[in-house]
Amino acid sequence: MIDFQRSQVFADWLNSLKDTIGKARIIARLRAAEHGSFGDCESVGAAVYEMRVHYGPGYRMYFTRRDEVIYLLLIGGDKSTQKRDIKRAIQMAHKIGSEE
């Protein structure tokens, strides 16, 4: 089983969602990924990946890999904030990498 750890930024984003169905789909998507079914994911650069949820505004979750089975969820957003979210996720991944 893969361990997904949530950054505080990601946790705050997820908790702030008012779309309860969207939130449930995001959580279900993360559970599937924990069992190895990543589905619609792609690299956005600098060891950061985007996981898409095809529902509502097009939710996106950005993560980076640490070690063999630990993934750190950096930030979440939707299609309308995609460019800004990618830039912020890459900055967060660089900061985490420099702290290790």
PDB file of N, CA and C in Angstrom:
ATOM      1  N   MET A   1       0.842  -1.185   0.000  1.00  0.00           N
ATOM      2  CA  MET A   1       0.000   0.000   0.000  1.00  0.00           C
ATOM      3  C   MET A   1       0.884   1.244   0.000  1.00  0.00           C
ATOM      4  N   ILE A   2       0.474   2.225  -0.722  1.00  0.00           N
ATOM      5  CA  ILE A   2       1.218   3.480  -0.849  1.00  0.00           C
ATOM      6  C   ILE A   2       0.706   4.471   0.197  1.00  0.00           C
ATOM      7  N   ASP A   3       1.614   5.167   0.829  1.00  0.00           N
ATOM      8  CA  ASP A   3       1.263   6.150   1.855  1.00  0.00           C
ATOM      9  C   ASP A   3       1.246   7.542   1.233  1.00  0.00           C
ATOM     10  N   PHE A   4       0.099   8.211   1.302  1.00  0.00           N
ATOM     11  CA  PHE A   4      -0.011   9.596   0.862  1.00  0.00           C
ATOM     12  C   PHE A   4      -0.072  10.482   2.096  1.00  0.00           C
ATOM     13  N   GLN A   5       0.902  11.354   2.249  1.00  0.00           N
ATOM     14  CA  GLN A   5       0.906  12.316   3.344  1.00  0.00           C
ATOM     15  C   GLN A   5       0.445  13.655   2.780  1.00  0.00           C
ATOM     16  N   ARG A   6      -0.314  14.377   3.566  1.00  0.00           N
ATOM     17  CA  ARG A   6      -0.884  15.649   3.107  1.00  0.00           C
ATOM     18  C   ARG A   6      -0.128  16.825   3.709  1.00  0.00           C
ATOM     19  N   SER A   7       0.236  17.771   2.861  1.00  0.00           N
ATOM     20  CA  SER A   7       0.796  19.014   3.384  1.00  0.00           C
ATOM     21  C   SER A   7      -0.345  19.788   4.038  1.00  0.00           C
ATOM     22  N   GLN A   8      -0.015  20.745   4.868  1.00  0.00           N
ATOM     23  CA  GLN A   8      -1.051  21.564   5.500  1.00  0.00           C
ATOM     24  C   GLN A   8      -1.816  22.354   4.449  1.00  0.00           C
ATOM     25  N   VAL A   9      -1.127  22.807   3.419  1.00  0.00           N
ATOM     26  CA  VAL A   9      -1.776  23.550   2.329  1.00  0.00           C
ATOM     27  C   VAL A   9      -2.830  22.671   1.663  1.00  0.00           C
ATOM     28  N   PHE A  10      -2.466  21.409   1.375  1.00  0.00           N
ATOM     29  CA  PHE A  10      -3.419  20.490   0.748  1.00  0.00           C
ATOM     30  C   PHE A  10      -4.600  20.218   1.680  1.00  0.00           C
ATOM     31  N   ALA A  11      -4.315  19.927   2.947  1.00  0.00           N
ATOM     32  CA  ALA A  11      -5.380  19.633   3.915  1.00  0.00           C
ATOM     33  C   ALA A  11      -6.343  20.811   4.049  1.00  0.00           C
ATOM     34  N   ASP A  12      -5.805  22.025   4.097  1.00  0.00           N
ATOM     35  CA  ASP A  12      -6.652  23.217   4.197  1.00  0.00           C
ATOM     36  C   ASP A  12      -7.537  23.358   2.966  1.00  0.00           C
ATOM     37  N   TRP A  13      -6.964  23.109   1.774  1.00  0.00           N
ATOM     38  CA  TRP A  13      -7.738  23.193   0.530  1.00  0.00           C
ATOM     39  C   TRP A  13      -8.877  22.177   0.550  1.00  0.00           C
ATOM     40  N   LEU A  14      -8.554  20.932   0.876  1.00  0.00           N
ATOM     41  CA  LEU A  14      -9.569  19.877   0.876  1.00  0.00           C
ATOM     42  C   LEU A  14     -10.668  20.181   1.897  1.00  0.00           C
ATOM     43  N   ASN A  15     -10.281  20.620   3.076  1.00  0.00           N
ATOM     44  CA  ASN A  15     -11.268  20.942   4.113  1.00  0.00           C
ATOM     45  C   ASN A  15     -12.133  22.141   3.744  1.00  0.00           C
ATOM     46  N   SER A  16     -11.624  23.025   2.907  1.00  0.00           N
ATOM     47  CA  SER A  16     -12.376  24.226   2.538  1.00  0.00           C
ATOM     48  C   SER A  16     -13.391  23.984   1.423  1.00  0.00           C
ATOM     49  N   LEU A  17     -13.322  22.832   0.770  1.00  0.00           N
ATOM     50  CA  LEU A  17     -14.248  22.563  -0.335  1.00  0.00           C
ATOM     51  C   LEU A  17     -15.684  22.465   0.176  1.00  0.00           C
ATOM     52  N   LYS A  18     -16.569  23.213  -0.458  1.00  0.00           N
ATOM     53  CA  LYS A  18     -17.979  23.171  -0.097  1.00  0.00           C
ATOM     54  C   LYS A  18     -18.726  22.112  -0.908  1.00  0.00           C
ATOM     55  N   ASP A  19     -18.140  21.680  -2.012  1.00  0.00           N
ATOM     56  CA  ASP A  19     -18.715  20.663  -2.891  1.00  0.00           C
ATOM     57  C   ASP A  19     -18.514  19.289  -2.249  1.00  0.00           C
ATOM     58  N   THR A  20     -19.529  18.805  -1.526  1.00  0.00           N
ATOM     59  CA  THR A  20     -19.375  17.546  -0.790  1.00  0.00           C
ATOM     60  C   THR A  20     -19.200  16.345  -1.716  1.00  0.00           C
ATOM     61  N   ILE A  21     -19.862  16.354  -2.860  1.00  0.00           N
ATOM     62  CA  ILE A  21     -19.690  15.250  -3.808  1.00  0.00           C
ATOM     63  C   ILE A  21     -18.283  15.292  -4.396  1.00  0.00           C
ATOM     64  N   GLY A  22     -17.824  16.483  -4.747  1.00  0.00           N
ATOM     65  CA  GLY A  22     -16.462  16.636  -5.260  1.00  0.00           C
ATOM     66  C   GLY A  22     -15.431  16.184  -4.241  1.00  0.00           C
ATOM     67  N   LYS A  23     -15.632  16.568  -2.986  1.00  0.00           N
ATOM     68  CA  LYS A  23     -14.711  16.168  -1.919  1.00  0.00           C
ATOM     69  C   LYS A  23     -14.696  14.647  -1.772  1.00  0.00           C
ATOM     70  N   ALA A  24     -15.869  14.024  -1.826  1.00  0.00           N
ATOM     71  CA  ALA A  24     -15.953  12.562  -1.720  1.00  0.00           C
ATOM     72  C   ALA A  24     -15.232  11.891  -2.889  1.00  0.00           C
ATOM     73  N   ARG A  25     -15.364  12.460  -4.080  1.00  0.00           N
ATOM     74  CA  ARG A  25     -14.675  11.891  -5.245  1.00  0.00           C
ATOM     75  C   ARG A  25     -13.158  12.048  -5.133  1.00  0.00           C
ATOM     76  N   ILE A  26     -12.716  13.163  -4.596  1.00  0.00           N
ATOM     77  CA  ILE A  26     -11.277  13.377  -4.393  1.00  0.00           C
ATOM     78  C   ILE A  26     -10.738  12.345  -3.400  1.00  0.00           C
ATOM     79  N   ILE A  27     -11.441  12.152  -2.306  1.00  0.00           N
ATOM     80  CA  ILE A  27     -11.008  11.183  -1.296  1.00  0.00           C
ATOM     81  C   ILE A  27     -11.005   9.772  -1.877  1.00  0.00           C
ATOM     82  N   ALA A  28     -12.031   9.430  -2.661  1.00  0.00           N
ATOM     83  CA  ALA A  28     -12.079   8.108  -3.296  1.00  0.00           C
ATOM     84  C   ALA A  28     -10.914   7.933  -4.263  1.00  0.00           C
ATOM     85  N   ARG A  29     -10.572   8.996  -4.966  1.00  0.00           N
ATOM     86  CA  ARG A  29      -9.452   8.954  -5.922  1.00  0.00           C
ATOM     87  C   ARG A  29      -8.140   8.714  -5.192  1.00  0.00           C
ATOM     88  N   LEU A  30      -7.969   9.365  -4.054  1.00  0.00           N
ATOM     89  CA  LEU A  30      -6.763   9.166  -3.251  1.00  0.00           C
ATOM     90  C   LEU A  30      -6.691   7.745  -2.697  1.00  0.00           C
ATOM     91  N   ARG A  31      -7.821   7.207  -2.281  1.00  0.00           N
ATOM     92  CA  ARG A  31      -7.835   5.821  -1.783  1.00  0.00           C
ATOM     93  C   ARG A  31      -7.445   4.841  -2.884  1.00  0.00           C
ATOM     94  N   ALA A  32      -7.941   5.074  -4.101  1.00  0.00           N
ATOM     95  CA  ALA A  32      -7.570   4.204  -5.225  1.00  0.00           C
ATOM     96  C   ALA A  32      -6.069   4.302  -5.489  1.00  0.00           C
ATOM     97  N   ALA A  33      -5.528   5.517  -5.413  1.00  0.00           N
ATOM     98  CA  ALA A  33      -4.090   5.712  -5.641  1.00  0.00           C
ATOM     99  C   ALA A  33      -3.266   5.024  -4.552  1.00  0.00           C
ATOM    100  N   GLU A  34      -3.771   5.006  -3.338  1.00  0.00           N
ATOM    101  CA  GLU A  34      -3.070   4.312  -2.248  1.00  0.00           C
ATOM    102  C   GLU A  34      -2.903   2.824  -2.544  1.00  0.00           C
ATOM    103  N   HIS A  35      -3.789   2.291  -3.366  1.00  0.00           N
ATOM    104  CA  HIS A  35      -3.726   0.875  -3.751  1.00  0.00           C
ATOM    105  C   HIS A  35      -3.064   0.691  -5.114  1.00  0.00           C
ATOM    106  N   GLY A  36      -2.428   1.756  -5.620  1.00  0.00           N
ATOM    107  CA  GLY A  36      -1.650   1.654  -6.844  1.00  0.00           C
ATOM    108  C   GLY A  36      -2.364   2.054  -8.117  1.00  0.00           C
ATOM    109  N   SER A  37      -3.624   2.430  -8.029  1.00  0.00           N
ATOM    110  CA  SER A  37      -4.389   2.829  -9.213  1.00  0.00           C
ATOM    111  C   SER A  37      -4.390   4.356  -9.328  1.00  0.00           C
ATOM    112  N   PHE A  38      -3.361   4.890  -9.984  1.00  0.00           N
ATOM    113  CA  PHE A  38      -3.210   6.342 -10.078  1.00  0.00           C
ATOM    114  C   PHE A  38      -4.127   6.967 -11.120  1.00  0.00           C
ATOM    115  N   GLY A  39      -4.529   6.204 -12.107  1.00  0.00           N
ATOM    116  CA  GLY A  39      -5.446   6.729 -13.115  1.00  0.00           C
ATOM    117  C   GLY A  39      -4.848   7.874 -13.901  1.00  0.00           C
ATOM    118  N   ASP A  40      -5.613   8.940 -14.077  1.00  0.00           N
ATOM    119  CA  ASP A  40      -5.238  10.069 -14.929  1.00  0.00           C
ATOM    120  C   ASP A  40      -4.240  10.977 -14.204  1.00  0.00           C
ATOM    121  N   CYS A  41      -2.955  10.701 -14.410  1.00  0.00           N
ATOM    122  CA  CYS A  41      -1.870  11.480 -13.801  1.00  0.00           C
ATOM    123  C   CYS A  41      -0.825  11.778 -14.857  1.00  0.00           C
ATOM    124  N   GLU A  42      -0.159  12.900 -14.700  1.00  0.00           N
ATOM    125  CA  GLU A  42       0.981  13.188 -15.572  1.00  0.00           C
ATOM    126  C   GLU A  42       1.939  14.139 -14.880  1.00  0.00           C
ATOM    127  N   SER A  43       3.172  14.089 -15.325  1.00  0.00           N
ATOM    128  CA  SER A  43       4.205  14.957 -14.784  1.00  0.00           C
ATOM    129  C   SER A  43       3.969  16.391 -15.245  1.00  0.00           C
ATOM    130  N   VAL A  44       4.179  17.330 -14.327  1.00  0.00           N
ATOM    131  CA  VAL A  44       4.120  18.744 -14.689  1.00  0.00           C
ATOM    132  C   VAL A  44       5.500  19.381 -14.559  1.00  0.00           C
ATOM    133  N   GLY A  45       6.516  18.545 -14.295  1.00  0.00           N
ATOM    134  CA  GLY A  45       7.893  19.017 -14.205  1.00  0.00           C
ATOM    135  C   GLY A  45       8.425  19.009 -12.791  1.00  0.00           C
ATOM    136  N   ALA A  46       9.745  18.970 -12.691  1.00  0.00           N
ATOM    137  CA  ALA A  46      10.457  19.058 -11.410  1.00  0.00           C
ATOM    138  C   ALA A  46       9.971  18.023 -10.395  1.00  0.00           C
ATOM    139  N   ALA A  47       9.722  16.791 -10.856  1.00  0.00           N
ATOM    140  CA  ALA A  47       9.290  15.678  -9.995  1.00  0.00           C
ATOM    141  C   ALA A  47       7.945  15.922  -9.324  1.00  0.00           C
ATOM    142  N   VAL A  48       7.118  16.764  -9.923  1.00  0.00           N
ATOM    143  CA  VAL A  48       5.768  17.029  -9.431  1.00  0.00           C
ATOM    144  C   VAL A  48       4.785  16.450 -10.448  1.00  0.00           C
ATOM    145  N   TYR A  49       3.744  15.815  -9.929  1.00  0.00           N
ATOM    146  CA  TYR A  49       2.736  15.180 -10.774  1.00  0.00           C
ATOM    147  C   TYR A  49       1.364  15.760 -10.483  1.00  0.00           C
ATOM    148  N   GLU A  50       0.533  15.763 -11.520  1.00  0.00           N
ATOM    149  CA  GLU A  50      -0.833  16.248 -11.409  1.00  0.00           C
ATOM    150  C   GLU A  50      -1.776  15.052 -11.520  1.00  0.00           C
ATOM    151  N   MET A  51      -2.649  14.893 -10.541  1.00  0.00           N
ATOM    152  CA  MET A  51      -3.680  13.863 -10.554  1.00  0.00           C
ATOM    153  C   MET A  51      -5.014  14.577 -10.782  1.00  0.00           C
ATOM    154  N   ARG A  52      -5.718  14.179 -11.834  1.00  0.00           N
ATOM    155  CA  ARG A  52      -6.958  14.865 -12.193  1.00  0.00           C
ATOM    156  C   ARG A  52      -8.187  14.069 -11.754  1.00  0.00           C
ATOM    157  N   VAL A  53      -9.207  14.809 -11.322  1.00  0.00           N
ATOM    158  CA  VAL A  53     -10.508  14.237 -10.990  1.00  0.00           C
ATOM    159  C   VAL A  53     -11.503  14.867 -11.954  1.00  0.00           C
ATOM    160  N   HIS A  54     -12.083  14.056 -12.802  1.00  0.00           N
ATOM    161  CA  HIS A  54     -12.993  14.556 -13.837  1.00  0.00           C
ATOM    162  C   HIS A  54     -14.401  14.712 -13.268  1.00  0.00           C
ATOM    163  N   TYR A  55     -14.554  15.770 -12.500  1.00  0.00           N
ATOM    164  CA  TYR A  55     -15.839  16.080 -11.888  1.00  0.00           C
ATOM    165  C   TYR A  55     -15.846  17.567 -11.560  1.00  0.00           C
ATOM    166  N   GLY A  56     -17.004  18.166 -11.598  1.00  0.00           N
ATOM    167  CA  GLY A  56     -17.151  19.571 -11.223  1.00  0.00           C
ATOM    168  C   GLY A  56     -16.232  20.470 -12.029  1.00  0.00           C
ATOM    169  N   PRO A  57     -15.483  21.333 -11.342  1.00  0.00           N
ATOM    170  CA  PRO A  57     -14.616  22.277 -12.049  1.00  0.00           C
ATOM    171  C   PRO A  57     -13.318  21.654 -12.559  1.00  0.00           C
ATOM    172  N   GLY A  58     -13.180  20.334 -12.435  1.00  0.00           N
ATOM    173  CA  GLY A  58     -11.946  19.672 -12.879  1.00  0.00           C
ATOM    174  C   GLY A  58     -10.885  19.755 -11.802  1.00  0.00           C
ATOM    175  N   TYR A  59     -11.132  19.086 -10.689  1.00  0.00           N
ATOM    176  CA  TYR A  59     -10.208  19.143  -9.557  1.00  0.00           C
ATOM    177  C   TYR A  59      -8.850  18.564  -9.919  1.00  0.00           C
ATOM    178  N   ARG A  60      -7.801  19.162  -9.362  1.00  0.00           N
ATOM    179  CA  ARG A  60      -6.429  18.709  -9.556  1.00  0.00           C
ATOM    180  C   ARG A  60      -5.746  18.611  -8.205  1.00  0.00           C
ATOM    181  N   MET A  61      -4.895  17.583  -8.089  1.00  0.00           N
ATOM    182  CA  MET A  61      -4.080  17.418  -6.890  1.00  0.00           C
ATOM    183  C   MET A  61      -2.646  17.261  -7.354  1.00  0.00           C
ATOM    184  N   TYR A  62      -1.734  17.919  -6.684  1.00  0.00           N
ATOM    185  CA  TYR A  62      -0.325  17.892  -7.073  1.00  0.00           C
ATOM    186  C   TYR A  62       0.472  17.192  -5.983  1.00  0.00           C
ATOM    187  N   PHE A  63       1.333  16.278  -6.406  1.00  0.00           N
ATOM    188  CA  PHE A  63       2.097  15.495  -5.441  1.00  0.00           C
ATOM    189  C   PHE A  63       3.501  15.243  -5.948  1.00  0.00           C
ATOM    190  N   THR A  64       4.368  14.883  -5.019  1.00  0.00           N
ATOM    191  CA  THR A  64       5.736  14.502  -5.335  1.00  0.00           C
ATOM    192  C   THR A  64       6.035  13.211  -4.590  1.00  0.00           C
ATOM    193  N   ARG A  65       6.988  12.474  -5.088  1.00  0.00           N
ATOM    194  CA  ARG A  65       7.324  11.182  -4.489  1.00  0.00           C
ATOM    195  C   ARG A  65       8.510  11.336  -3.551  1.00  0.00           C
ATOM    196  N   ARG A  66       8.416  10.647  -2.422  1.00  0.00           N
ATOM    197  CA  ARG A  66       9.512  10.590  -1.457  1.00  0.00           C
ATOM    198  C   ARG A  66       9.697   9.130  -1.099  1.00  0.00           C
ATOM    199  N   ASP A  67      10.884   8.648  -1.230  1.00  0.00           N
ATOM    200  CA  ASP A  67      11.193   7.251  -0.943  1.00  0.00           C
ATOM    201  C   ASP A  67      10.405   6.331  -1.888  1.00  0.00           C
ATOM    202  N   GLU A  68      10.238   5.075  -1.497  1.00  0.00           N
ATOM    203  CA  GLU A  68       9.593   4.087  -2.365  1.00  0.00           C
ATOM    204  C   GLU A  68       8.073   4.148  -2.331  1.00  0.00           C
ATOM    205  N   VAL A  69       7.504   4.326  -1.167  1.00  0.00           N
ATOM    206  CA  VAL A  69       6.049   4.226  -1.055  1.00  0.00           C
ATOM    207  C   VAL A  69       5.403   5.412  -0.347  1.00  0.00           C
ATOM    208  N   ILE A  70       6.092   6.524  -0.285  1.00  0.00           N
ATOM    209  CA  ILE A  70       5.526   7.703   0.361  1.00  0.00           C
ATOM    210  C   ILE A  70       5.387   8.813  -0.677  1.00  0.00           C
ATOM    211  N   TYR A  71       4.185   9.327  -0.792  1.00  0.00           N
ATOM    212  CA  TYR A  71       3.907  10.436  -1.688  1.00  0.00           C
ATOM    213  C   TYR A  71       3.392  11.588  -0.848  1.00  0.00           C
ATOM    214  N   LEU A  72       3.830  12.778  -1.156  1.00  0.00           N
ATOM    215  CA  LEU A  72       3.411  13.955  -0.408  1.00  0.00           C
ATOM    216  C   LEU A  72       2.474  14.781  -1.277  1.00  0.00           C
ATOM    217  N   LEU A  73       1.227  14.909  -0.833  1.00  0.00           N
ATOM    218  CA  LEU A  73       0.258  15.752  -1.523  1.00  0.00           C
ATOM    219  C   LEU A  73       0.596  17.198  -1.196  1.00  0.00           C
ATOM    220  N   LEU A  74       0.933  17.959  -2.209  1.00  0.00           N
ATOM    221  CA  LEU A  74       1.411  19.320  -2.001  1.00  0.00           C
ATOM    222  C   LEU A  74       0.284  20.336  -1.957  1.00  0.00           C
ATOM    223  N   ILE A  75      -0.580  20.302  -2.970  1.00  0.00           N
ATOM    224  CA  ILE A  75      -1.576  21.355  -3.130  1.00  0.00           C
ATOM    225  C   ILE A  75      -2.714  20.818  -3.981  1.00  0.00           C
ATOM    226  N   GLY A  76      -3.863  21.424  -3.867  1.00  0.00           N
ATOM    227  CA  GLY A  76      -5.005  21.059  -4.698  1.00  0.00           C
ATOM    228  C   GLY A  76      -5.607  22.297  -5.317  1.00  0.00           C
ATOM    229  N   GLY A  77      -6.372  22.098  -6.353  1.00  0.00           N
ATOM    230  CA  GLY A  77      -7.025  23.210  -7.031  1.00  0.00           C
ATOM    231  C   GLY A  77      -7.967  22.679  -8.080  1.00  0.00           C
ATOM    232  N   ASP A  78      -8.280  23.517  -9.063  1.00  0.00           N
ATOM    233  CA  ASP A  78      -9.110  23.073 -10.167  1.00  0.00           C
ATOM    234  C   ASP A  78      -8.572  23.666 -11.459  1.00  0.00           C
ATOM    235  N   LYS A  79      -9.268  23.406 -12.540  1.00  0.00           N
ATOM    236  CA  LYS A  79      -8.785  23.832 -13.854  1.00  0.00           C
ATOM    237  C   LYS A  79      -8.526  25.345 -13.899  1.00  0.00           C
ATOM    238  N   SER A  80      -9.360  26.119 -13.207  1.00  0.00           N
ATOM    239  CA  SER A  80      -9.222  27.578 -13.273  1.00  0.00           C
ATOM    240  C   SER A  80      -7.964  28.093 -12.577  1.00  0.00           C
ATOM    241  N   THR A  81      -7.400  27.315 -11.652  1.00  0.00           N
ATOM    242  CA  THR A  81      -6.200  27.743 -10.923  1.00  0.00           C
ATOM    243  C   THR A  81      -4.981  26.900 -11.290  1.00  0.00           C
ATOM    244  N   GLN A  82      -5.087  26.118 -12.345  1.00  0.00           N
ATOM    245  CA  GLN A  82      -4.076  25.124 -12.700  1.00  0.00           C
ATOM    246  C   GLN A  82      -2.671  25.702 -12.839  1.00  0.00           C
ATOM    247  N   LYS A  83      -2.492  26.751 -13.606  1.00  0.00           N
ATOM    248  CA  LYS A  83      -1.145  27.298 -13.831  1.00  0.00           C
ATOM    249  C   LYS A  83      -0.516  27.783 -12.532  1.00  0.00           C
ATOM    250  N   ARG A  84      -1.283  28.493 -11.740  1.00  0.00           N
ATOM    251  CA  ARG A  84      -0.784  28.995 -10.455  1.00  0.00           C
ATOM    252  C   ARG A  84      -0.467  27.832  -9.511  1.00  0.00           C
ATOM    253  N   ASP A  85      -1.332  26.816  -9.498  1.00  0.00           N
ATOM    254  CA  ASP A  85      -1.129  25.664  -8.618  1.00  0.00           C
ATOM    255  C   ASP A  85       0.120  24.881  -8.992  1.00  0.00           C
ATOM    256  N   ILE A  86       0.360  24.693 -10.286  1.00  0.00           N
ATOM    257  CA  ILE A  86       1.555  23.972 -10.734  1.00  0.00           C
ATOM    258  C   ILE A  86       2.806  24.709 -10.276  1.00  0.00           C
ATOM    259  N   LYS A  87       2.830  26.013 -10.475  1.00  0.00           N
ATOM    260  CA  LYS A  87       3.989  26.815 -10.071  1.00  0.00           C
ATOM    261  C   LYS A  87       4.232  26.699  -8.562  1.00  0.00           C
ATOM    262  N   ARG A  88       3.162  26.773  -7.790  1.00  0.00           N
ATOM    263  CA  ARG A  88       3.297  26.694  -6.335  1.00  0.00           C
ATOM    264  C   ARG A  88       3.728  25.294  -5.897  1.00  0.00           C
ATOM    265  N   ALA A  89       3.187  24.255  -6.534  1.00  0.00           N
ATOM    266  CA  ALA A  89       3.558  22.877  -6.184  1.00  0.00           C
ATOM    267  C   ALA A  89       5.033  22.626  -6.455  1.00  0.00           C
ATOM    268  N   ILE A  90       5.533  23.129  -7.576  1.00  0.00           N
ATOM    269  CA  ILE A  90       6.953  22.957  -7.905  1.00  0.00           C
ATOM    270  C   ILE A  90       7.820  23.683  -6.880  1.00  0.00           C
ATOM    271  N   GLN A  91       7.413  24.888  -6.481  1.00  0.00           N
ATOM    272  CA  GLN A  91       8.158  25.625  -5.453  1.00  0.00           C
ATOM    273  C   GLN A  91       8.161  24.860  -4.129  1.00  0.00           C
ATOM    274  N   MET A  92       7.018  24.294  -3.766  1.00  0.00           N
ATOM    275  CA  MET A  92       6.931  23.528  -2.520  1.00  0.00           C
ATOM    276  C   MET A  92       7.822  22.290  -2.580  1.00  0.00           C
ATOM    277  N   ALA A  93       7.833  21.598  -3.723  1.00  0.00           N
ATOM    278  CA  ALA A  93       8.662  20.395  -3.878  1.00  0.00           C
ATOM    279  C   ALA A  93      10.141  20.743  -3.770  1.00  0.00           C
ATOM    280  N   HIS A  94      10.551  21.868  -4.376  1.00  0.00           N
ATOM    281  CA  HIS A  94      11.951  22.302  -4.273  1.00  0.00           C
ATOM    282  C   HIS A  94      12.322  22.603  -2.823  1.00  0.00           C
ATOM    283  N   LYS A  95      11.427  23.271  -2.124  1.00  0.00           N
ATOM    284  CA  LYS A  95      11.691  23.613  -0.724  1.00  0.00           C
ATOM    285  C   LYS A  95      11.827  22.348   0.120  1.00  0.00           C
ATOM    286  N   ILE A  96      10.943  21.390  -0.091  1.00  0.00           N
ATOM    287  CA  ILE A  96      11.005  20.127   0.652  1.00  0.00           C
ATOM    288  C   ILE A  96      12.303  19.397   0.336  1.00  0.00           C
ATOM    289  N   GLY A  97      12.679  19.363  -0.937  1.00  0.00           N
ATOM    290  CA  GLY A  97      13.910  18.694  -1.348  1.00  0.00           C
ATOM    291  C   GLY A  97      15.147  19.319  -0.745  1.00  0.00           C
ATOM    292  N   SER A  98      15.147  20.629  -0.591  1.00  0.00           N
ATOM    293  CA  SER A  98      16.320  21.306  -0.032  1.00  0.00           C
ATOM    294  C   SER A  98      16.398  21.147   1.484  1.00  0.00           C
ATOM    295  N   GLU A  99      15.281  20.792   2.126  1.00  0.00           N
ATOM    296  CA  GLU A  99      15.265  20.607   3.579  1.00  0.00           C
ATOM    297  C   GLU A  99      15.715  19.213   3.980  1.00  0.00           C
ATOM    298  N   GLU A 100      15.728  18.276   3.034  1.00  0.00           N
ATOM    299  CA  GLU A 100      16.101  16.896   3.364  1.00  0.00           C
ATOM    300  C   GLU A 100      17.589  16.705   3.374  1.00  0.00           C
TER     301      GLU A 100
END
